[in-house]
Amino acid sequence: MTGVRAWRTGLGLIGIAAIAYGGWGVLTGGVATDWPVTAVWLLTGVLLHDLVLVPVVAVAGWLVTRLVPAGIRPVVRGGLVVAALVTVVALPVVSGRGDPGNPSSTPLDYPRNLALVLLAVAATTALLAVRRRRRVRPAAEGG
């Protein structure tokens, strides 16, 4: 256990040092520090998390618990997590905030591609759920 404790302590100290370094950069006016923009960015992140993300995840969890059979809930939860992460990663390019004067900055049809990836995630989740349901059901009926 002492080895694990040493690793945790070391990683914790590295994390504290990284936070201190970032805080020092913000406080001393680092390369790209603009206080009003930084404050708005931080406040927006907190508000989006607390007022949008947490309620959406809570409602989704409640719905999954109420509507999805217990045997396939892990698969459905996994599919929802993957879909959410893909969407969050894709939002900057889907929003179209690239440089309109430079077509090479966002050259693809990102909304269509996001829809295709989400469709693939949904199909894979459905296939895995059916597979798991078939595997779990005979064991439940036999016992």
Protein backbone atom coordinates (compact mmCIF):
# COMPACT_ATOMS: atom_id res chain seq x y z
CA MET A 1 0.00 0.00 0.00
CA THR A 2 2.87 2.40 0.57
CA GLY A 3 3.77 2.25 -3.14
CA VAL A 4 0.25 3.28 -4.11
CA ARG A 5 0.26 6.03 -1.51
CA ALA A 6 3.58 7.33 -2.85
CA TRP A 7 2.24 7.40 -6.42
CA ARG A 8 -0.93 9.22 -5.32
CA THR A 9 1.09 11.74 -3.35
CA GLY A 10 3.49 12.32 -6.24
CA LEU A 11 0.70 12.73 -8.78
CA GLY A 12 -1.17 15.02 -6.41
CA LEU A 13 1.92 17.22 -6.01
CA ILE A 14 2.38 17.35 -9.78
CA GLY A 15 -1.27 18.37 -10.15
CA ILE A 16 -0.92 21.08 -7.51
CA ALA A 17 2.22 22.37 -9.25
CA ALA A 18 0.40 22.48 -12.61
CA ILE A 19 -2.51 24.40 -11.09
CA ALA A 20 -0.12 26.82 -9.41
CA TYR A 21 1.75 27.37 -12.69
CA GLY A 22 -1.50 28.06 -14.55
CA GLY A 23 -2.76 30.35 -11.80
CA TRP A 24 0.55 32.24 -11.82
CA GLY A 25 0.24 32.71 -15.59
CA VAL A 26 -3.28 34.12 -15.23
CA LEU A 27 -2.34 36.41 -12.34
CA THR A 28 0.83 37.78 -13.92
CA GLY A 29 -0.67 38.41 -17.35
CA GLY A 30 0.88 35.55 -19.29
CA VAL A 31 1.11 35.47 -23.06
CA ALA A 32 -2.62 35.43 -23.84
CA THR A 33 -4.26 36.48 -20.59
CA ASP A 34 -7.15 38.89 -20.86
CA TRP A 35 -8.96 39.08 -17.51
CA PRO A 36 -12.48 39.85 -18.77
CA VAL A 37 -12.31 37.12 -21.42
CA THR A 38 -10.84 34.63 -18.95
CA ALA A 39 -13.49 35.44 -16.33
CA VAL A 40 -16.32 35.07 -18.87
CA TRP A 41 -14.84 31.78 -20.11
CA LEU A 42 -14.55 30.37 -16.59
CA LEU A 43 -18.01 31.57 -15.54
CA THR A 44 -19.59 30.22 -18.73
CA GLY A 45 -17.99 26.83 -18.14
CA VAL A 46 -19.30 26.66 -14.59
CA LEU A 47 -22.78 27.80 -15.57
CA LEU A 48 -23.00 25.42 -18.54
CA HIS A 49 -21.90 22.56 -16.31
CA ASP A 50 -24.27 23.33 -13.45
CA LEU A 51 -27.32 24.57 -15.37
CA VAL A 52 -27.19 22.43 -18.52
CA LEU A 53 -24.90 19.41 -18.31
CA VAL A 54 -25.81 18.18 -14.82
CA PRO A 55 -29.61 18.37 -15.34
CA VAL A 56 -29.35 16.68 -18.76
CA VAL A 57 -27.23 13.85 -17.36
CA ALA A 58 -29.54 13.47 -14.36
CA VAL A 59 -32.65 13.26 -16.55
CA ALA A 60 -30.92 10.84 -18.95
CA GLY A 61 -29.90 8.64 -16.01
CA TRP A 62 -33.42 8.71 -14.61
CA LEU A 63 -34.89 7.81 -18.01
CA VAL A 64 -32.41 4.98 -18.56
CA THR A 65 -33.22 3.58 -15.12
CA ARG A 66 -36.97 3.76 -15.75
CA LEU A 67 -37.17 2.72 -19.41
CA VAL A 68 -34.27 0.37 -20.12
CA PRO A 69 -34.24 -3.23 -18.84
CA ALA A 70 -31.58 -3.81 -16.19
CA GLY A 71 -29.68 -6.37 -18.27
CA ILE A 72 -28.81 -3.90 -21.02
CA ARG A 73 -28.45 -0.69 -19.01
CA PRO A 74 -24.63 -0.81 -19.01
CA VAL A 75 -24.59 -1.03 -22.82
CA VAL A 76 -27.05 1.86 -23.18
CA ARG A 77 -25.11 3.97 -20.68
CA GLY A 78 -21.89 3.28 -22.58
CA GLY A 79 -23.52 4.28 -25.86
CA LEU A 80 -24.83 7.50 -24.33
CA VAL A 81 -21.40 8.36 -22.92
CA VAL A 82 -19.70 7.76 -26.28
CA ALA A 83 -22.36 9.81 -28.11
CA ALA A 84 -22.00 12.67 -25.63
CA LEU A 85 -18.21 12.70 -25.86
CA VAL A 86 -18.23 12.59 -29.66
CA THR A 87 -20.71 15.47 -29.72
CA VAL A 88 -18.68 17.59 -27.31
CA VAL A 89 -15.50 17.02 -29.30
CA ALA A 90 -17.27 17.83 -32.58
CA LEU A 91 -19.08 20.98 -31.39
CA PRO A 92 -16.32 23.44 -32.29
CA VAL A 93 -16.25 22.37 -35.95
CA VAL A 94 -20.00 21.70 -36.20
CA SER A 95 -20.68 25.25 -35.00
CA GLY A 96 -19.01 26.56 -38.16
CA ARG A 97 -16.69 28.91 -36.32
CA GLY A 98 -13.87 28.34 -38.75
CA ASP A 99 -12.39 31.04 -40.93
CA PRO A 100 -14.86 31.58 -43.82
CA GLY A 101 -12.04 33.07 -45.89
CA ASN A 102 -10.04 29.86 -45.54
CA PRO A 103 -12.04 26.87 -46.78
CA SER A 104 -9.25 24.51 -45.80
CA SER A 105 -9.73 25.26 -42.08
CA THR A 106 -13.02 23.30 -42.00
CA PRO A 107 -13.18 21.48 -45.35
CA LEU A 108 -15.71 18.75 -44.52
CA ASP A 109 -19.45 18.54 -43.93
CA TYR A 110 -19.14 18.25 -40.15
CA PRO A 111 -22.84 18.22 -39.21
CA ARG A 112 -23.45 15.34 -41.62
CA ASN A 113 -20.37 13.51 -40.38
CA LEU A 114 -21.42 13.95 -36.75
CA ALA A 115 -24.85 12.56 -37.62
CA LEU A 116 -23.21 9.55 -39.30
CA VAL A 117 -20.95 8.90 -36.32
CA LEU A 118 -23.90 9.19 -33.91
CA LEU A 119 -25.88 6.80 -36.11
CA ALA A 120 -22.97 4.34 -35.99
CA VAL A 121 -22.81 4.67 -32.20
CA ALA A 122 -26.56 4.07 -31.94
CA ALA A 123 -26.40 1.04 -34.24
CA THR A 124 -23.45 -0.44 -32.37
CA THR A 125 -25.18 0.17 -29.05
CA ALA A 126 -28.34 -1.52 -30.34
CA LEU A 127 -26.39 -4.53 -31.64
CA LEU A 128 -24.52 -4.90 -28.36
CA ALA A 129 -27.77 -4.57 -26.40
CA VAL A 130 -29.45 -7.29 -28.49
CA ARG A 131 -26.41 -9.54 -28.09
CA ARG A 132 -26.30 -8.98 -24.35
CA ARG A 133 -30.05 -9.47 -24.00
CA ARG A 134 -29.85 -12.82 -25.80
CA ARG A 135 -26.91 -13.89 -23.62
CA VAL A 136 -28.48 -12.76 -20.34
CA ARG A 137 -32.03 -14.04 -20.97
CA PRO A 138 -31.21 -17.80 -21.30
CA ALA A 139 -29.15 -17.68 -18.11
CA ALA A 140 -32.02 -16.00 -16.26
CA GLU A 141 -34.60 -18.49 -17.57
CA GLY A 142 -32.45 -21.52 -16.84
CA GLY A 143 -31.71 -20.62 -13.22
